[in-house]
Structures are given as C-alpha cells and as structure tokens.
Amino acid sequence: MSERPAGPRLLGMPSAADAIELKHLRAFVAVADELNFSRAANRLFVSQPALSRQIKALEQLIGCQLLRRSTHRVELTLAGEALLGASLPLLSDMDDAITLTRSVGGEVNARVTQLWNSVVEDGGSGLAAMREAFEAFNAQLPVPEGTVVRPVQTDGVSSLVVAPGPGRRPSVLHLHGGGYIAGSAFGYRPLAGALAAATGAAVLVPDYRLAPEHPFPAALEDALRAYRWLLGQGDAPGQLTISGDSAGGGLVISLLLKVKQEGLPQPGKVVLMCPVVDVLDPPEGGTPVARWFSLYVRDHPPTDPLLNIFEADLSGLPPLLVQSGTEDVTLPETRRFVDQAREQGLDVRFDLYPVSTHVFHLFWSFLPEAADALEQVAGFLGEHESGSAVEAG
C-alpha cells in the first residue's frame, strides 16, 4: 500500500455522530420536503412533538441548525439544504436495500404471522386449545435479560411484579390481552419485561379471572382490586400508570370508569397498545373472536357504560397514549375511541406505526417498530403532565 506524499497537514472535519439514526434523517427529509410539521408527521405516522424531538436531536448531533421555524412557516437553512441533498440518495439506496431484503426473505412478517396463526387457528378448536395455544405463543417470546419476577397477592388477586432489577416497587399496572378468555400474568412476562426494561419501572400484572367461567364484571372487579392495592403501596396516584394491550386495553378504560365511579384517585398516565374497545361488535364477526367476546359479555345489558365504552362519559380521565398499527384490524374502533375521547376533552396522543400485526409490541426482540413504540411509552411516562402530546393533523 503506497503512502500519501508529504505535505501540509489539514485539520480534519469531525466524523458523523454515531448516535444519528435513520429515523432522524427520515424525519428531517419529510419536514424539508413538506416544509410543514403537521403534514410531515402524518406522513411518518408520528406525533408532531415526537417529530420535533427527532429534528432537534439531529441538529444537536450534527452541531448546526437545519431548519428555521416560526409561527407561520418552516424554511431550510444553508446547512439544511446541504444535508437534504446528501440524504435523499442515501435514504433511497437504503429503501431499495430493505425492499430487496424483504422480497427475498420476508422473515419478519412470516415469523409474526406464523406465531399469531397458531393462536387463531387453535381458537376454533375449543377453549382449552385456545388457552394452551396462547400460552405456547407467549412462551416463544424472550424475557429481557436481568428481568426479576416475583409473585404477590393484590387484595386476593394472584399477580406478578415484573421488574428491570431487584427491589423495585411497582408503579405500572398492566392488564394483559387474550380476548378476556385467555392469557396469564406468567405468560405475559415477555411483554411486561420489555415494558419494564424500556421505562425502568416495575410492572404489576394481575391474573384477573377469565370468561366463560367468570364473565363480566369479574375481570373488572379483579383489576380494581389490583389497582386499590397499588394505590396503597406508597406512590402518589399521579406517579402511577395503567397500561393494557388488546382486550386488556378495553379493560383499562372500564377500570378507569370504575375508578371514577368509586371516587378513587386516577393514575397519572394511561397507555393503550392496540386496544380492543368494542366487545359488542367485534370487527371479525364470523371468526372465533366474536365467540370469545360473547363468552365475556353473556347476558349483561349492552347499555352498561362499563362494558359499552362508546356509551360512557370519559371526562376526567388521565392523559392517554394510544398506539396501533396502520393495518391492525382493530384500528377503526381505536380511531372511533380516540375521536370520542378528544371530543370529551381528554388529552390523547395517538401514534400509528406502519405494521399489520395486532399488538406488535409483543415482538420487541426482532421488530424495530415494536422497540420504538416501547421507547415512546418510556418518553410519554417521563413527560411532565402539562407537556403531553397529541397526534399530528
């Protein structure tokens, strides 16, 4: 290898910061292309505050201002114009590489589909098979390294505390999914562990009673007992969070309404992951899902707002972060709920991710969107109460 000829030494420019991520560049390019934060946020399926944070992070990492923002307009600086010109071919090449990889392999989508199909297919074979399949499904998902799990009795409800380390007092109550007929605290260690690892908080997962042995309102009663127990552990109510995925997300809303009805203090934050909020008119009426919900509802009056959330007065509930996939079958009912909540004055941040699978958060170990969603949960819980965000547009 030949040596460079001797000559004057030039001061080299610093190399690109290692912390710059593709999402930073995509956020910048979207805003630069639209010159409008609202339209760019809609295009990327993120909230305007999240988009603004990504732009600011990029500017800090590069060390110069890329955009000039005022009340009425957004414009590029000279540095921004330079970065835009360099970023467009880079992102185009990356998109081509990803498209090629997916067309050849498709391993991520295939893996997710295979995992979920094992549950749905067995769901038509009977309740015992459905429950066994759901536990086997969760057993294939990893629990984050360093997770500590311990059993507790929450006012008579068997529960688990899933923490990112020893000696943590739970501050998050998570209600698991499973169509109200399946699922367990033990089976949900992978998702609860990922939530704990992302937020740094210990997560309480109650084993609430399941239908058809225990139809509505048994699950709600158990969730309320677990929340009462959590209130008694020492943290101020405003420091507590209630989260839930799928049917557990619908149960969270029922719990919040019951808490209001009982005159108990509300938690500080609420997180809903691909929530199922309509048990009376499920989106797939001819599939086992409809039968699962009918086992939960039984003959209970459909006008009860604790069951029929769309008949409920949601006023006074805490700030909510709602996350869903753009092709999730439950998205229409989720949008309807978000619209209703906002119309009734609730502070709602609604984040959409370009994924098709239901409760994509379960696949945090290999699905980038899932890991990002959990990071957004951590950020949401860390925000000041007055600084919560809303969906762009």
Protein backbone atom coordinates (compact mmCIF):
# COMPACT_ATOMS: atom_id res chain seq x y z
CA MET A 1 0.00 0.00 0.00
CA SER A 2 1.51 3.31 -1.05
CA GLU A 3 1.95 6.16 1.37
CA ARG A 4 0.50 9.61 0.82
CA PRO A 5 3.10 12.20 -0.21
CA ALA A 6 4.35 14.52 2.47
CA GLY A 7 2.65 17.88 2.62
CA PRO A 8 0.89 20.30 4.89
CA ARG A 9 -1.41 18.64 7.43
CA LEU A 10 -5.03 19.72 7.33
CA LEU A 11 -7.40 19.70 10.26
CA GLY A 12 -9.96 17.00 9.56
CA MET A 13 -13.67 17.60 9.98
CA PRO A 14 -15.28 15.52 12.75
CA SER A 15 -16.91 12.34 11.53
CA ALA A 16 -20.65 11.81 11.62
CA ALA A 17 -22.03 11.29 15.11
CA ASP A 18 -22.57 7.63 15.91
CA ALA A 19 -25.94 8.37 17.52
CA ILE A 20 -27.55 9.60 14.27
CA GLU A 21 -30.26 7.15 13.27
CA LEU A 22 -32.16 6.71 10.03
CA LYS A 23 -35.35 7.91 11.72
CA HIS A 24 -33.61 11.24 12.38
CA LEU A 25 -32.82 11.63 8.69
CA ARG A 26 -36.28 10.49 7.60
CA ALA A 27 -37.86 13.00 9.95
CA PHE A 28 -35.69 15.81 8.59
CA VAL A 29 -36.31 14.87 4.94
CA ALA A 30 -40.07 14.68 5.49
CA VAL A 31 -40.16 18.15 7.05
CA ALA A 32 -37.79 19.57 4.45
CA ASP A 33 -39.95 18.15 1.67
CA GLU A 34 -43.25 19.36 3.11
CA LEU A 35 -41.96 22.48 4.90
CA ASN A 36 -44.81 21.69 7.28
CA PHE A 37 -44.56 19.73 10.54
CA SER A 38 -48.20 18.64 10.56
CA ARG A 39 -48.12 17.08 7.09
CA ALA A 40 -44.70 15.52 7.72
CA ALA A 41 -45.92 13.97 10.98
CA ASN A 42 -48.94 12.44 9.24
CA ARG A 43 -46.69 11.08 6.52
CA LEU A 44 -44.45 9.35 9.08
CA PHE A 45 -47.27 8.23 11.40
CA VAL A 46 -45.81 10.07 14.41
CA SER A 47 -46.96 12.95 16.56
CA GLN A 48 -45.73 16.49 15.89
CA PRO A 49 -43.88 16.68 19.25
CA ALA A 50 -42.13 13.37 18.51
CA LEU A 51 -41.14 14.66 15.07
CA SER A 52 -39.84 17.91 16.56
CA ARG A 53 -37.77 15.97 19.11
CA GLN A 54 -36.17 13.93 16.31
CA ILE A 55 -35.26 17.08 14.36
CA LYS A 56 -33.79 18.74 17.46
CA ALA A 57 -31.80 15.57 18.25
CA LEU A 58 -30.38 15.58 14.72
CA GLU A 59 -29.41 19.26 14.95
CA GLN A 60 -27.69 18.67 18.28
CA LEU A 61 -25.78 15.66 16.99
CA ILE A 62 -24.62 17.45 13.82
CA GLY A 63 -23.98 20.69 15.64
CA CYS A 64 -25.83 23.18 13.44
CA GLN A 65 -29.32 24.45 12.73
CA LEU A 66 -31.08 22.75 9.83
CA LEU A 67 -34.48 24.42 9.92
CA ARG A 68 -35.73 27.87 10.80
CA ARG A 69 -39.14 27.68 12.43
CA SER A 70 -41.57 30.49 13.05
CA THR A 71 -45.26 30.64 13.85
CA HIS A 72 -46.25 30.71 10.19
CA ARG A 73 -43.52 28.99 8.23
CA VAL A 74 -40.68 26.50 8.12
CA GLU A 75 -37.65 27.02 5.89
CA LEU A 76 -34.30 25.33 5.30
CA THR A 77 -31.01 26.84 6.38
CA LEU A 78 -27.98 26.50 4.08
CA ALA A 79 -26.82 23.58 6.23
CA GLY A 80 -30.26 22.03 5.88
CA GLU A 81 -30.14 22.33 2.10
CA ALA A 82 -26.76 20.63 2.06
CA LEU A 83 -27.94 17.77 4.26
CA LEU A 84 -31.13 17.32 2.24
CA GLY A 85 -29.18 16.93 -0.99
CA ALA A 86 -26.90 14.33 0.55
CA SER A 87 -29.63 12.46 2.44
CA LEU A 88 -32.04 11.81 -0.43
CA PRO A 89 -29.83 9.35 -2.35
CA LEU A 90 -28.72 7.73 0.93
CA LEU A 91 -32.30 7.04 2.03
CA SER A 92 -33.27 5.93 -1.48
CA ASP A 93 -30.46 3.37 -1.51
CA MET A 94 -31.46 2.18 1.96
CA ASP A 95 -35.11 1.78 0.92
CA ASP A 96 -34.06 -0.23 -2.12
CA ALA A 97 -31.91 -2.47 0.07
CA ILE A 98 -34.76 -3.07 2.53
CA THR A 99 -37.24 -3.77 -0.27
CA LEU A 100 -34.87 -6.28 -1.82
CA THR A 101 -34.23 -7.96 1.51
CA ARG A 102 -37.92 -8.26 2.30
CA SER A 103 -38.78 -9.60 -1.15
CA VAL A 104 -36.11 -12.28 -0.82
CA GLY A 105 -36.69 -13.23 2.77
CA GLY A 106 -39.85 -11.81 4.32
CA GLU A 107 -38.71 -13.49 7.52
CA VAL A 108 -40.06 -10.94 9.98
CA ASN A 109 -43.61 -10.90 8.59
CA ALA A 110 -43.58 -14.66 8.15
CA ARG A 111 -42.44 -15.18 11.72
CA VAL A 112 -45.09 -12.87 13.16
CA THR A 113 -47.83 -14.41 11.01
CA GLN A 114 -46.80 -17.92 11.98
CA LEU A 115 -46.81 -17.06 15.67
CA TRP A 116 -50.25 -15.44 15.62
CA ASN A 117 -51.81 -18.07 13.35
CA SER A 118 -51.00 -20.76 15.89
CA VAL A 119 -53.33 -18.95 18.31
CA VAL A 120 -56.16 -18.05 15.93
CA GLU A 121 -56.32 -21.47 14.30
CA ASP A 122 -56.46 -23.30 17.63
CA GLY A 123 -59.07 -20.80 18.80
CA GLY A 124 -61.65 -22.63 16.74
CA SER A 125 -60.80 -25.96 18.34
CA GLY A 126 -62.17 -25.17 21.77
CA LEU A 127 -61.41 -23.10 24.82
CA ALA A 128 -58.75 -25.40 26.26
CA ALA A 129 -56.86 -25.49 22.97
CA MET A 130 -57.10 -21.71 22.64
CA ARG A 131 -55.67 -21.12 26.11
CA GLU A 132 -52.90 -23.63 25.58
CA ALA A 133 -52.00 -22.10 22.21
CA PHE A 134 -51.91 -18.60 23.68
CA GLU A 135 -49.56 -19.67 26.48
CA ALA A 136 -47.36 -21.54 23.98
CA PHE A 137 -47.31 -18.43 21.78
CA ASN A 138 -46.09 -16.22 24.62
CA ALA A 139 -43.56 -18.86 25.69
CA GLN A 140 -41.76 -18.40 22.36
CA LEU A 141 -41.08 -14.73 23.13
CA PRO A 142 -37.98 -13.81 25.16
CA VAL A 143 -37.95 -12.15 28.56
CA PRO A 144 -35.36 -9.32 28.70
CA GLU A 145 -32.10 -10.21 30.40
CA GLY A 146 -31.96 -9.05 34.00
CA THR A 147 -35.73 -9.14 34.50
CA VAL A 148 -36.78 -10.03 38.05
CA VAL A 149 -40.19 -11.62 38.61
CA ARG A 150 -41.86 -12.13 41.96
CA PRO A 151 -45.40 -13.21 42.95
CA VAL A 152 -47.67 -11.00 45.04
CA GLN A 153 -51.25 -11.13 46.28
CA THR A 154 -53.07 -7.91 45.38
CA ASP A 155 -56.10 -7.94 47.67
CA GLY A 156 -56.71 -11.60 46.88
CA VAL A 157 -55.79 -11.47 43.17
CA SER A 158 -52.73 -13.55 42.28
CA SER A 159 -50.31 -11.29 40.41
CA LEU A 160 -46.71 -10.93 39.33
CA VAL A 161 -44.37 -7.98 39.70
CA VAL A 162 -42.07 -7.86 36.68
CA ALA A 163 -39.14 -5.50 37.24
CA PRO A 164 -35.90 -4.48 35.47
CA GLY A 165 -33.99 -5.27 38.66
CA PRO A 166 -34.43 -6.27 42.30
CA GLY A 167 -36.08 -4.18 44.99
CA ARG A 168 -38.42 -2.22 42.72
CA ARG A 169 -41.86 -1.14 43.89
CA PRO A 170 -44.43 -1.43 41.06
CA SER A 171 -45.73 1.80 39.58
CA VAL A 172 -47.28 0.41 36.39
CA LEU A 173 -50.38 -1.80 36.34
CA HIS A 174 -50.61 -3.78 33.09
CA LEU A 175 -53.77 -5.63 32.06
CA HIS A 176 -52.96 -8.38 29.59
CA GLY A 177 -54.76 -9.29 26.39
CA GLY A 178 -56.29 -12.60 25.39
CA GLY A 179 -59.88 -11.80 24.42
CA TYR A 180 -60.99 -11.99 28.09
CA ILE A 181 -60.84 -15.79 27.87
CA ALA A 182 -57.09 -16.48 27.76
CA GLY A 183 -53.75 -15.12 28.89
CA SER A 184 -51.98 -15.01 32.23
CA ALA A 185 -49.53 -12.97 34.23
CA PHE A 186 -46.93 -15.72 33.77
CA GLY A 187 -47.41 -15.83 30.02
CA TYR A 188 -47.10 -12.06 29.76
CA ARG A 189 -43.64 -11.88 31.33
CA PRO A 190 -42.03 -11.12 27.92
CA LEU A 191 -44.14 -8.02 27.20
CA ALA A 192 -44.22 -6.87 30.82
CA GLY A 193 -40.46 -7.35 31.00
CA ALA A 194 -39.93 -5.31 27.84
CA LEU A 195 -42.17 -2.58 29.23
CA ALA A 196 -40.21 -2.62 32.48
CA ALA A 197 -36.87 -2.52 30.69
CA ALA A 198 -37.95 0.40 28.49
CA THR A 199 -39.45 2.52 31.27
CA GLY A 200 -37.28 1.49 34.22
CA ALA A 201 -40.46 0.83 36.21
CA ALA A 202 -41.67 -2.34 37.89
CA VAL A 203 -44.86 -3.65 36.29
CA LEU A 204 -47.72 -5.31 38.16
CA VAL A 205 -49.59 -7.93 36.08
CA PRO A 206 -52.71 -9.36 37.76
CA ASP A 207 -54.11 -12.77 36.90
CA TYR A 208 -57.66 -11.49 36.53
CA ARG A 209 -60.44 -14.05 36.21
CA LEU A 210 -61.35 -15.20 32.71
CA ALA A 211 -64.59 -15.95 30.90
CA PRO A 212 -66.62 -18.08 30.39
CA GLU A 213 -66.13 -19.34 33.94
CA HIS A 214 -66.13 -15.74 35.13
CA PRO A 215 -67.93 -13.39 32.73
CA PHE A 216 -68.19 -9.61 33.05
CA PRO A 217 -67.67 -7.94 35.51
CA ALA A 218 -65.27 -10.44 37.13
CA ALA A 219 -62.18 -9.22 35.23
CA LEU A 220 -63.07 -5.62 36.05
CA GLU A 221 -63.51 -6.42 39.75
CA ASP A 222 -60.08 -8.07 39.87
CA ALA A 223 -58.45 -5.18 38.03
CA LEU A 224 -59.98 -2.75 40.53
CA ARG A 225 -58.67 -4.79 43.47
CA ALA A 226 -55.18 -4.78 41.94
CA TYR A 227 -55.37 -1.00 41.44
CA ARG A 228 -56.53 -0.44 45.03
CA TRP A 229 -53.55 -2.50 46.19
CA LEU A 230 -51.20 -0.44 44.01
CA LEU A 231 -52.62 2.79 45.47
CA GLY A 232 -51.68 1.53 48.91
CA GLN A 233 -48.01 0.89 48.09
CA GLY A 234 -46.84 4.42 48.78
CA ASP A 235 -46.51 6.20 45.44
CA ALA A 236 -48.68 9.23 44.76
CA PRO A 237 -51.54 8.35 42.36
CA GLY A 238 -50.17 10.80 39.81
CA GLN A 239 -46.97 8.73 39.63
CA LEU A 240 -48.86 5.58 38.67
CA THR A 241 -49.62 4.30 35.18
CA ILE A 242 -52.22 1.85 33.91
CA SER A 243 -51.49 0.10 30.63
CA GLY A 244 -53.12 -2.66 28.65
CA ASP A 245 -52.89 -4.44 25.32
CA SER A 246 -55.67 -5.76 23.06
CA ALA A 247 -58.64 -6.75 25.23
CA GLY A 248 -56.62 -5.59 28.22
CA GLY A 249 -56.72 -2.11 26.69
CA GLY A 250 -60.51 -2.14 26.72
CA LEU A 251 -60.41 -3.41 30.29
CA VAL A 252 -58.18 -0.44 31.19
CA ILE A 253 -60.88 2.00 30.07
CA SER A 254 -63.53 0.08 32.01
CA LEU A 255 -61.25 0.22 35.06
CA LEU A 256 -60.73 3.98 34.75
CA LEU A 257 -64.50 4.48 34.55
CA LYS A 258 -64.98 2.26 37.60
CA VAL A 259 -62.27 4.19 39.47
CA LYS A 260 -64.12 7.42 38.70
CA GLN A 261 -67.41 5.83 39.77
CA GLU A 262 -65.86 4.71 43.09
CA GLY A 263 -64.36 8.15 43.75
CA LEU A 264 -60.80 6.81 43.79
CA PRO A 265 -57.84 8.88 42.54
CA GLN A 266 -56.97 8.41 38.89
CA PRO A 267 -53.45 7.38 37.78
CA GLY A 268 -51.16 9.94 36.18
CA LYS A 269 -50.88 8.29 32.74
CA VAL A 270 -52.58 5.61 30.65
CA VAL A 271 -51.09 3.54 27.81
CA LEU A 272 -53.20 1.53 25.37
CA MET A 273 -51.47 -0.88 22.99
CA CYS A 274 -53.70 -1.83 20.04
CA PRO A 275 -56.74 -1.74 22.33
CA VAL A 276 -59.91 -3.72 21.73
CA VAL A 277 -62.57 -1.32 22.97
CA ASP A 278 -65.67 -2.72 21.25
CA VAL A 279 -66.65 -6.12 22.65
CA LEU A 280 -70.25 -5.82 21.46
CA ASP A 281 -69.48 -5.50 17.75
CA PRO A 282 -66.08 -7.08 17.07
CA PRO A 283 -64.52 -6.46 13.66
CA GLU A 284 -64.43 -10.11 12.63
CA GLY A 285 -67.93 -11.30 13.40
CA GLY A 286 -67.55 -14.72 11.74
CA THR A 287 -64.31 -15.71 13.46
CA PRO A 288 -63.61 -17.16 16.92
CA VAL A 289 -63.03 -13.58 18.16
CA ALA A 290 -66.77 -12.87 18.19
CA ARG A 291 -67.42 -16.04 20.18
CA TRP A 292 -64.68 -15.13 22.67
CA PHE A 293 -66.30 -11.78 23.43
CA SER A 294 -69.78 -13.30 23.69
CA LEU A 295 -68.46 -15.56 26.44
CA TYR A 296 -67.30 -12.46 28.30
CA VAL A 297 -70.43 -10.34 27.77
CA ARG A 298 -73.00 -13.10 28.30
CA ASP A 299 -76.40 -11.56 29.06
CA HIS A 300 -75.11 -8.36 30.60
CA PRO A 301 -77.04 -5.26 29.43
CA PRO A 302 -75.17 -3.77 26.45
CA THR A 303 -76.06 -0.27 27.65
CA ASP A 304 -73.79 -0.52 30.70
CA PRO A 305 -71.05 2.08 30.05
CA LEU A 306 -68.55 -0.04 31.98
CA LEU A 307 -68.96 -2.59 29.19
CA ASN A 308 -70.03 -0.40 26.28
CA ILE A 309 -67.30 2.24 26.31
CA PHE A 310 -68.92 4.16 23.46
CA GLU A 311 -71.84 4.94 25.77
CA ALA A 312 -69.53 6.18 28.55
CA ASP A 313 -68.72 9.62 29.91
CA LEU A 314 -64.93 9.73 29.59
CA SER A 315 -64.47 13.18 31.09
CA GLY A 316 -61.90 13.43 33.85
CA LEU A 317 -59.75 10.52 32.72
CA PRO A 318 -55.94 10.94 32.66
CA PRO A 319 -53.74 11.67 29.62
CA LEU A 320 -53.62 8.71 27.24
CA LEU A 321 -51.03 7.34 24.84
CA VAL A 322 -52.76 5.14 22.27
CA GLN A 323 -50.63 3.06 19.89
CA SER A 324 -51.80 0.97 16.95
CA GLY A 325 -50.68 -0.40 13.60
CA THR A 326 -51.83 1.10 10.32
CA GLU A 327 -53.25 -2.26 9.23
CA ASP A 328 -54.40 -3.57 12.61
CA VAL A 329 -57.91 -4.99 12.30
CA THR A 330 -58.91 -3.05 15.43
CA LEU A 331 -57.80 0.33 14.06
CA PRO A 332 -61.32 1.55 13.10
CA GLU A 333 -62.65 1.08 16.64
CA THR A 334 -59.44 2.59 18.05
CA ARG A 335 -59.88 5.70 15.91
CA ARG A 336 -63.52 5.94 16.98
CA PHE A 337 -62.49 5.76 20.63
CA VAL A 338 -59.75 8.37 20.18
CA ASP A 339 -62.21 10.72 18.48
CA GLN A 340 -64.74 10.22 21.27
CA ALA A 341 -62.11 10.81 23.96
CA ARG A 342 -60.92 14.03 22.32
CA GLU A 343 -64.47 15.28 21.84
CA GLN A 344 -64.98 14.82 25.58
CA GLY A 345 -61.88 16.86 26.39
CA LEU A 346 -59.31 14.15 27.07
CA ASP A 347 -55.61 14.67 26.40
CA VAL A 348 -54.84 11.93 23.87
CA ARG A 349 -51.64 11.18 22.00
CA PHE A 350 -52.34 8.75 19.15
CA ASP A 351 -49.31 7.11 17.49
CA LEU A 352 -49.61 4.90 14.41
CA TYR A 353 -46.90 2.52 13.21
CA PRO A 354 -46.59 1.03 9.70
CA VAL A 355 -47.24 -2.57 10.77
CA SER A 356 -50.08 -5.00 10.16
CA THR A 357 -49.88 -7.34 13.14
CA HIS A 358 -52.08 -6.96 16.21
CA VAL A 359 -50.24 -6.00 19.41
CA PHE A 360 -46.95 -5.71 17.53
CA HIS A 361 -45.31 -4.72 20.84
CA LEU A 362 -45.06 -8.42 21.67
CA PHE A 363 -42.34 -8.78 19.05
CA TRP A 364 -39.98 -6.18 20.53
CA SER A 365 -36.99 -8.54 20.25
CA PHE A 366 -36.94 -8.51 16.44
CA LEU A 367 -39.46 -5.93 15.18
CA PRO A 368 -37.98 -2.39 15.09
CA GLU A 369 -41.39 -0.70 15.27
CA ALA A 370 -42.16 -2.57 18.49
CA ALA A 371 -38.94 -1.46 20.14
CA ASP A 372 -39.60 2.11 19.01
CA ALA A 373 -43.15 2.00 20.38
CA LEU A 374 -41.87 0.92 23.79
CA GLU A 375 -39.33 3.75 23.72
CA GLN A 376 -42.21 6.15 23.02
CA VAL A 377 -44.05 4.73 26.05
CA ALA A 378 -40.99 5.46 28.17
CA GLY A 379 -40.85 9.00 26.83
CA PHE A 380 -44.56 9.53 27.45
CA LEU A 381 -44.29 8.40 31.05
CA GLY A 382 -41.34 10.72 31.53
CA GLU A 383 -43.12 13.80 30.19
CA HIS A 384 -44.38 16.50 32.52
CA GLU A 385 -48.14 16.39 32.94
CA SER A 386 -48.57 19.68 31.11
CA GLY A 387 -46.35 18.62 28.24
CA SER A 388 -48.22 15.62 26.85
CA ALA A 389 -48.51 15.42 23.09
CA VAL A 390 -51.28 14.81 20.59
CA GLU A 391 -51.42 13.21 17.18
CA ALA A 392 -50.46 15.43 14.31
CA GLY A 393 -53.21 16.53 11.96
